[in-house]
Each structure stands twice: as C-alpha cells, then as structure tokens.
Amino acid sequence: GWFRQAPGKEREFVARIRWSGGSTYYADSVKGRF
C-alpha cells in the first residue's frame, strides 16, 4: 500500500494492491486521479 503524512496530520491510507491478482482499493480523496 501507499500511505501519506502531511505536516501536523496523521498518516493516512492512499491506496493498496494485492500482490497476487492485483486487485486495488483507493481512498476517496485520490480515486480517479491516482
């Protein structure tokens, strides 16, 4: 997965992928862009 952390904020989830099969899942904030 990818996570991100902005200054003064908690580390948040961005996206994840299954290593086998490749299914993906995204945070709403990045869906359609990442």
All heavy atoms as atom14 arrays in JSON, in Angstrom:
{
  "sequence": "GWFRQAPGKEREFVARIRWSGGSTYYADSVKGRF",
  "atom14_mask": [
    [1, 1, 1, 1, 0, 0, 0, 0, 0, 0, 0, 0, 0, 0],
    [1, 1, 1, 1, 1, 1, 1, 1, 1, 1, 1, 1, 1, 1],
    [1, 1, 1, 1, 1, 1, 1, 1, 1, 1, 1, 0, 0, 0],
    [1, 1, 1, 1, 1, 1, 1, 1, 1, 1, 1, 0, 0, 0],
    [1, 1, 1, 1, 1, 1, 1, 1, 1, 0, 0, 0, 0, 0],
    [1, 1, 1, 1, 1, 0, 0, 0, 0, 0, 0, 0, 0, 0],
    [1, 1, 1, 1, 1, 1, 1, 0, 0, 0, 0, 0, 0, 0],
    [1, 1, 1, 1, 0, 0, 0, 0, 0, 0, 0, 0, 0, 0],
    [1, 1, 1, 1, 1, 1, 1, 1, 1, 0, 0, 0, 0, 0],
    [1, 1, 1, 1, 1, 1, 1, 1, 1, 0, 0, 0, 0, 0],
    [1, 1, 1, 1, 1, 1, 1, 1, 1, 1, 1, 0, 0, 0],
    [1, 1, 1, 1, 1, 1, 1, 1, 1, 0, 0, 0, 0, 0],
    [1, 1, 1, 1, 1, 1, 1, 1, 1, 1, 1, 0, 0, 0],
    [1, 1, 1, 1, 1, 1, 1, 0, 0, 0, 0, 0, 0, 0],
    [1, 1, 1, 1, 1, 0, 0, 0, 0, 0, 0, 0, 0, 0],
    [1, 1, 1, 1, 1, 1, 1, 1, 1, 1, 1, 0, 0, 0],
    [1, 1, 1, 1, 1, 1, 1, 1, 0, 0, 0, 0, 0, 0],
    [1, 1, 1, 1, 1, 1, 1, 1, 1, 1, 1, 0, 0, 0],
    [1, 1, 1, 1, 1, 1, 1, 1, 1, 1, 1, 1, 1, 1],
    [1, 1, 1, 1, 1, 1, 0, 0, 0, 0, 0, 0, 0, 0],
    [1, 1, 1, 1, 0, 0, 0, 0, 0, 0, 0, 0, 0, 0],
    [1, 1, 1, 1, 0, 0, 0, 0, 0, 0, 0, 0, 0, 0],
    [1, 1, 1, 1, 1, 1, 0, 0, 0, 0, 0, 0, 0, 0],
    [1, 1, 1, 1, 1, 1, 1, 0, 0, 0, 0, 0, 0, 0],
    [1, 1, 1, 1, 1, 1, 1, 1, 1, 1, 1, 1, 0, 0],
    [1, 1, 1, 1, 1, 1, 1, 1, 1, 1, 1, 1, 0, 0],
    [1, 1, 1, 1, 1, 0, 0, 0, 0, 0, 0, 0, 0, 0],
    [1, 1, 1, 1, 1, 1, 1, 1, 0, 0, 0, 0, 0, 0],
    [1, 1, 1, 1, 1, 1, 0, 0, 0, 0, 0, 0, 0, 0],
    [1, 1, 1, 1, 1, 1, 1, 0, 0, 0, 0, 0, 0, 0],
    [1, 1, 1, 1, 1, 1, 1, 1, 1, 0, 0, 0, 0, 0],
    [1, 1, 1, 1, 0, 0, 0, 0, 0, 0, 0, 0, 0, 0],
    [1, 1, 1, 1, 1, 1, 1, 1, 1, 1, 1, 0, 0, 0],
    [1, 1, 1, 1, 1, 1, 1, 1, 1, 1, 1, 0, 0, 0]
  ],
  "atom14_positions": [
    [[0.81, -1.21, 0.0], [0.0, 0.0, 0.0], [0.84, 1.25, 0.0], [2.06, 1.2, 0.22], [0.0, 0.0, 0.0], [0.0, 0.0, 0.0], [0.0, 0.0, 0.0], [0.0, 0.0, 0.0], [0.0, 0.0, 0.0], [0.0, 0.0, 0.0], [0.0, 0.0, 0.0], [0.0, 0.0, 0.0], [0.0, 0.0, 0.0], [0.0, 0.0, 0.0]],
    [[0.18, 2.35, -0.27], [0.77, 3.68, -0.15], [0.0, 4.44, 0.92], [-1.24, 4.43, 0.94], [0.7, 4.44, -1.47], [1.64, 3.96, -2.52], [1.34, 3.11, -3.56], [3.03, 4.28, -2.65], [2.46, 2.89, -4.32], [3.51, 3.59, -3.79], [3.91, 5.08, -1.94], [4.84, 3.69, -4.22], [5.23, 5.17, -2.36], [5.68, 4.48, -3.48]],
    [[0.76, 5.1, 1.78], [0.2, 5.99, 2.79], [0.88, 7.34, 2.62], [1.92, 7.45, 1.97], [0.47, 5.45, 4.2], [-0.37, 4.26, 4.57], [-0.13, 3.01, 4.02], [-1.41, 4.38, 5.48], [-0.9, 1.92, 4.36], [-2.19, 3.29, 5.83], [-1.93, 2.06, 5.27], [0.0, 0.0, 0.0], [0.0, 0.0, 0.0], [0.0, 0.0, 0.0]],
    [[0.31, 8.37, 3.23], [0.96, 9.68, 3.2], [0.73, 10.4, 4.51], [-0.25, 10.15, 5.22], [0.43, 10.51, 2.03], [-1.04, 10.91, 2.12], [-1.48, 11.6, 0.84], [-2.87, 12.03, 0.91], [-3.54, 12.57, -0.1], [-2.93, 12.73, -1.28], [-4.79, 12.93, 0.04], [0.0, 0.0, 0.0], [0.0, 0.0, 0.0], [0.0, 0.0, 0.0]],
    [[1.66, 11.3, 4.8], [1.56, 12.06, 6.04], [1.95, 13.51, 5.77], [3.09, 13.79, 5.39], [2.46, 11.46, 7.12], [2.28, 12.09, 8.47], [2.91, 11.28, 9.59], [3.76, 10.41, 9.35], [2.5, 11.53, 10.81], [0.0, 0.0, 0.0], [0.0, 0.0, 0.0], [0.0, 0.0, 0.0], [0.0, 0.0, 0.0], [0.0, 0.0, 0.0]],
    [[0.98, 14.38, 5.95], [1.21, 15.82, 5.82], [1.65, 16.38, 7.17], [1.35, 15.79, 8.21], [-0.06, 16.5, 5.34], [0.0, 0.0, 0.0], [0.0, 0.0, 0.0], [0.0, 0.0, 0.0], [0.0, 0.0, 0.0], [0.0, 0.0, 0.0], [0.0, 0.0, 0.0], [0.0, 0.0, 0.0], [0.0, 0.0, 0.0], [0.0, 0.0, 0.0]],
    [[2.32, 17.52, 7.18], [2.78, 18.1, 8.44], [1.63, 18.31, 9.42], [0.58, 18.86, 9.05], [3.39, 19.43, 8.01], [3.81, 19.21, 6.6], [2.78, 18.29, 6.02], [0.0, 0.0, 0.0], [0.0, 0.0, 0.0], [0.0, 0.0, 0.0], [0.0, 0.0, 0.0], [0.0, 0.0, 0.0], [0.0, 0.0, 0.0], [0.0, 0.0, 0.0]],
    [[1.82, 17.83, 10.64], [0.8, 18.01, 11.67], [-0.4, 17.11, 11.56], [-1.37, 17.27, 12.31], [0.0, 0.0, 0.0], [0.0, 0.0, 0.0], [0.0, 0.0, 0.0], [0.0, 0.0, 0.0], [0.0, 0.0, 0.0], [0.0, 0.0, 0.0], [0.0, 0.0, 0.0], [0.0, 0.0, 0.0], [0.0, 0.0, 0.0], [0.0, 0.0, 0.0]],
    [[-0.36, 16.17, 10.63], [-1.5, 15.27, 10.45], [-1.09, 13.82, 10.64], [0.09, 13.48, 10.6], [-2.11, 15.46, 9.05], [-2.73, 16.84, 8.84], [-3.51, 16.88, 7.54], [-4.22, 18.2, 7.37], [-5.02, 18.24, 6.11], [0.0, 0.0, 0.0], [0.0, 0.0, 0.0], [0.0, 0.0, 0.0], [0.0, 0.0, 0.0], [0.0, 0.0, 0.0]],
    [[-2.12, 12.98, 10.83], [-1.88, 11.56, 10.96], [-1.52, 10.96, 9.59], [-1.92, 11.48, 8.55], [-3.15, 10.87, 11.47], [-3.57, 11.27, 12.87], [-2.73, 10.57, 13.92], [-2.39, 9.39, 13.72], [-2.41, 11.22, 14.94], [0.0, 0.0, 0.0], [0.0, 0.0, 0.0], [0.0, 0.0, 0.0], [0.0, 0.0, 0.0], [0.0, 0.0, 0.0]],
    [[-0.79, 9.86, 9.63], [-0.51, 9.13, 8.4], [-1.81, 8.51, 7.91], [-2.51, 7.83, 8.67], [0.55, 8.06, 8.65], [1.1, 7.44, 7.39], [2.29, 6.53, 7.69], [3.39, 7.25, 8.32], [4.58, 6.72, 8.54], [4.83, 5.47, 8.15], [5.52, 7.42, 9.13], [0.0, 0.0, 0.0], [0.0, 0.0, 0.0], [0.0, 0.0, 0.0]],
    [[-2.11, 8.73, 6.63], [-3.39, 8.25, 6.1], [-3.2, 7.33, 4.9], [-2.23, 7.44, 4.15], [-4.28, 9.44, 5.68], [-3.74, 10.26, 4.53], [-4.72, 11.34, 4.08], [-5.78, 11.51, 4.7], [-4.41, 12.01, 3.07], [0.0, 0.0, 0.0], [0.0, 0.0, 0.0], [0.0, 0.0, 0.0], [0.0, 0.0, 0.0], [0.0, 0.0, 0.0]],
    [[-4.16, 6.46, 4.76], [-4.16, 5.5, 3.66], [-4.42, 6.2, 2.33], [-5.25, 7.11, 2.25], [-5.25, 4.46, 3.92], [-5.56, 3.56, 2.76], [-4.72, 2.5, 2.46], [-6.66, 3.79, 1.97], [-4.99, 1.67, 1.39], [-6.96, 2.96, 0.9], [-6.12, 1.91, 0.61], [0.0, 0.0, 0.0], [0.0, 0.0, 0.0], [0.0, 0.0, 0.0]],
    [[-3.73, 5.75, 1.3], [-3.91, 6.28, -0.05], [-4.45, 5.2, -0.99], [-5.48, 5.38, -1.63], [-2.6, 6.85, -0.62], [-2.77, 7.27, -2.08], [-2.09, 8.0, 0.23], [0.0, 0.0, 0.0], [0.0, 0.0, 0.0], [0.0, 0.0, 0.0], [0.0, 0.0, 0.0], [0.0, 0.0, 0.0], [0.0, 0.0, 0.0], [0.0, 0.0, 0.0]],
    [[-3.76, 4.06, -1.06], [-4.16, 3.0, -1.99], [-3.47, 1.71, -1.6], [-2.44, 1.73, -0.92], [-3.8, 3.35, -3.43], [0.0, 0.0, 0.0], [0.0, 0.0, 0.0], [0.0, 0.0, 0.0], [0.0, 0.0, 0.0], [0.0, 0.0, 0.0], [0.0, 0.0, 0.0], [0.0, 0.0, 0.0], [0.0, 0.0, 0.0], [0.0, 0.0, 0.0]],
    [[-4.05, 0.57, -2.03], [-3.4, -0.72, -1.78], [-3.65, -1.62, -2.97], [-4.61, -1.46, -3.73], [-3.89, -1.36, -0.49], [-5.31, -1.9, -0.55], [-5.32, -3.42, -0.79], [-6.7, -3.92, -0.76], [-7.34, -4.41, -1.8], [-6.75, -4.51, -2.98], [-8.58, -4.84, -1.68], [0.0, 0.0, 0.0], [0.0, 0.0, 0.0], [0.0, 0.0, 0.0]],
    [[-2.78, -2.61, -3.1], [-2.9, -3.59, -4.18], [-2.53, -4.96, -3.65], [-1.59, -5.11, -2.85], [-2.0, -3.19, -5.38], [-2.27, -4.08, -6.58], [-0.52, -3.2, -5.0], [-1.65, -3.55, -7.87], [0.0, 0.0, 0.0], [0.0, 0.0, 0.0], [0.0, 0.0, 0.0], [0.0, 0.0, 0.0], [0.0, 0.0, 0.0], [0.0, 0.0, 0.0]],
    [[-3.26, -5.94, -4.02], [-2.92, -7.33, -3.7], [-1.74, -7.74, -4.59], [-1.76, -7.48, -5.79], [-4.1, -8.24, -3.99], [-5.31, -7.95, -3.14], [-5.35, -8.84, -1.95], [-6.65, -8.78, -1.29], [-7.01, -9.58, -0.31], [-6.16, -10.49, 0.15], [-8.19, -9.46, 0.24], [0.0, 0.0, 0.0], [0.0, 0.0, 0.0], [0.0, 0.0, 0.0]],
    [[-0.74, -8.36, -3.99], [0.44, -8.71, -4.76], [0.12, -9.79, -5.81], [0.67, -9.78, -6.9], [1.55, -9.18, -3.83], [2.93, -8.97, -4.36], [3.85, -9.92, -4.62], [3.51, -7.71, -4.73], [4.99, -9.33, -5.12], [4.81, -7.99, -5.21], [3.05, -6.4, -4.72], [5.67, -7.0, -5.65], [3.91, -5.4, -5.17], [5.2, -5.7, -5.63]],
    [[-0.75, -10.71, -5.44], [-1.2, -11.73, -6.39], [-2.62, -11.41, -6.79], [-3.47, -11.22, -5.94], [-1.15, -13.12, -5.73], [-1.7, -14.09, -6.59], [0.0, 0.0, 0.0], [0.0, 0.0, 0.0], [0.0, 0.0, 0.0], [0.0, 0.0, 0.0], [0.0, 0.0, 0.0], [0.0, 0.0, 0.0], [0.0, 0.0, 0.0], [0.0, 0.0, 0.0]],
    [[-2.87, -11.27, -8.07], [-4.2, -10.92, -8.53], [-4.33, -9.46, -8.89], [-5.0, -9.12, -9.87], [0.0, 0.0, 0.0], [0.0, 0.0, 0.0], [0.0, 0.0, 0.0], [0.0, 0.0, 0.0], [0.0, 0.0, 0.0], [0.0, 0.0, 0.0], [0.0, 0.0, 0.0], [0.0, 0.0, 0.0], [0.0, 0.0, 0.0], [0.0, 0.0, 0.0]],
    [[-3.71, -8.59, -8.11], [-3.65, -7.18, -8.48], [-4.88, -6.34, -8.18], [-5.01, -5.23, -8.7], [0.0, 0.0, 0.0], [0.0, 0.0, 0.0], [0.0, 0.0, 0.0], [0.0, 0.0, 0.0], [0.0, 0.0, 0.0], [0.0, 0.0, 0.0], [0.0, 0.0, 0.0], [0.0, 0.0, 0.0], [0.0, 0.0, 0.0], [0.0, 0.0, 0.0]],
    [[-5.79, -6.85, -7.35], [-6.96, -6.02, -7.05], [-6.53, -4.78, -6.28], [-5.58, -4.81, -5.49], [-7.99, -6.81, -6.25], [-7.51, -7.12, -4.98], [0.0, 0.0, 0.0], [0.0, 0.0, 0.0], [0.0, 0.0, 0.0], [0.0, 0.0, 0.0], [0.0, 0.0, 0.0], [0.0, 0.0, 0.0], [0.0, 0.0, 0.0], [0.0, 0.0, 0.0]],
    [[-7.22, -3.68, -6.53], [-6.83, -2.39, -5.96], [-7.97, -1.76, -5.15], [-9.14, -2.12, -5.3], [-6.42, -1.42, -7.07], [-7.52, -1.26, -7.98], [-5.2, -1.93, -7.83], [0.0, 0.0, 0.0], [0.0, 0.0, 0.0], [0.0, 0.0, 0.0], [0.0, 0.0, 0.0], [0.0, 0.0, 0.0], [0.0, 0.0, 0.0], [0.0, 0.0, 0.0]],
    [[-7.57, -0.82, -4.31], [-8.54, -0.09, -3.49], [-7.93, 1.27, -3.2], [-6.74, 1.37, -2.93], [-8.81, -0.85, -2.2], [-9.88, -0.21, -1.34], [-11.22, -0.34, -1.67], [-9.54, 0.5, -0.2], [-12.2, 0.23, -0.89], [-10.51, 1.07, 0.59], [-11.84, 0.94, 0.25], [-12.82, 1.5, 1.02], [0.0, 0.0, 0.0], [0.0, 0.0, 0.0]],
    [[-8.77, 2.33, -3.26], [-8.28, 3.69, -3.11], [-9.06, 4.47, -2.05], [-10.25, 4.24, -1.83], [-8.42, 4.44, -4.44], [-7.6, 3.87, -5.56], [-8.12, 2.9, -6.4], [-6.29, 4.29, -5.77], [-7.37, 2.36, -7.43], [-5.52, 3.77, -6.81], [-6.07, 2.81, -7.63], [-5.32, 2.28, -8.65], [0.0, 0.0, 0.0], [0.0, 0.0, 0.0]],
    [[-8.37, 5.42, -1.47], [-9.05, 6.4, -0.64], [-9.9, 7.29, -1.55], [-9.53, 7.56, -2.7], [-8.04, 7.24, 0.13], [0.0, 0.0, 0.0], [0.0, 0.0, 0.0], [0.0, 0.0, 0.0], [0.0, 0.0, 0.0], [0.0, 0.0, 0.0], [0.0, 0.0, 0.0], [0.0, 0.0, 0.0], [0.0, 0.0, 0.0], [0.0, 0.0, 0.0]],
    [[-11.01, 7.75, -1.03], [-11.91, 8.59, -1.85], [-11.21, 9.84, -2.35], [-11.49, 10.32, -3.44], [-13.13, 8.98, -1.02], [-14.09, 7.82, -0.81], [-13.99, 6.81, -1.55], [-14.94, 7.92, 0.09], [0.0, 0.0, 0.0], [0.0, 0.0, 0.0], [0.0, 0.0, 0.0], [0.0, 0.0, 0.0], [0.0, 0.0, 0.0], [0.0, 0.0, 0.0]],
    [[-10.28, 10.34, -1.56], [-9.62, 11.61, -1.89], [-8.72, 11.5, -3.13], [-8.39, 12.53, -3.73], [-8.78, 12.09, -0.71], [-7.82, 11.13, -0.34], [0.0, 0.0, 0.0], [0.0, 0.0, 0.0], [0.0, 0.0, 0.0], [0.0, 0.0, 0.0], [0.0, 0.0, 0.0], [0.0, 0.0, 0.0], [0.0, 0.0, 0.0], [0.0, 0.0, 0.0]],
    [[-8.34, 10.3, -3.52], [-7.43, 10.14, -4.66], [-8.06, 9.33, -5.8], [-7.46, 9.21, -6.87], [-6.1, 9.49, -4.25], [-5.46, 10.26, -3.1], [-6.27, 8.02, -3.88], [0.0, 0.0, 0.0], [0.0, 0.0, 0.0], [0.0, 0.0, 0.0], [0.0, 0.0, 0.0], [0.0, 0.0, 0.0], [0.0, 0.0, 0.0], [0.0, 0.0, 0.0]],
    [[-9.23, 8.79, -5.56], [-9.88, 7.95, -6.57], [-10.07, 8.72, -7.86], [-10.55, 9.87, -7.86], [-11.22, 7.46, -6.01], [-11.76, 6.21, -6.65], [-13.01, 5.74, -5.92], [-12.69, 5.29, -4.51], [-13.9, 4.77, -3.81], [0.0, 0.0, 0.0], [0.0, 0.0, 0.0], [0.0, 0.0, 0.0], [0.0, 0.0, 0.0], [0.0, 0.0, 0.0]],
    [[-9.71, 8.08, -8.97], [-9.84, 8.73, -10.27], [-8.63, 9.57, -10.67], [-8.51, 9.96, -11.83], [0.0, 0.0, 0.0], [0.0, 0.0, 0.0], [0.0, 0.0, 0.0], [0.0, 0.0, 0.0], [0.0, 0.0, 0.0], [0.0, 0.0, 0.0], [0.0, 0.0, 0.0], [0.0, 0.0, 0.0], [0.0, 0.0, 0.0], [0.0, 0.0, 0.0]],
    [[-7.74, 9.86, -9.72], [-6.53, 10.64, -10.01], [-5.25, 9.82, -9.85], [-4.29, 10.04, -10.58], [-6.46, 11.86, -9.08], [-7.63, 12.8, -9.18], [-7.39, 14.08, -8.39], [-7.25, 13.82, -6.95], [-6.17, 14.16, -6.23], [-5.14, 14.77, -6.8], [-6.13, 13.89, -4.93], [0.0, 0.0, 0.0], [0.0, 0.0, 0.0], [0.0, 0.0, 0.0]],
    [[-5.23, 8.92, -8.9], [-4.05, 8.09, -8.61], [-4.3, 6.67, -9.07], [-5.43, 6.17, -9.02], [-3.75, 8.07, -7.12], [-3.26, 9.37, -6.53], [-3.29, 10.56, -7.24], [-2.76, 9.39, -5.23], [-2.84, 11.74, -6.7], [-2.3, 10.57, -4.67], [-2.35, 11.74, -5.4], [0.0, 0.0, 0.0], [0.0, 0.0, 0.0], [0.0, 0.0, 0.0]]
  ]
}
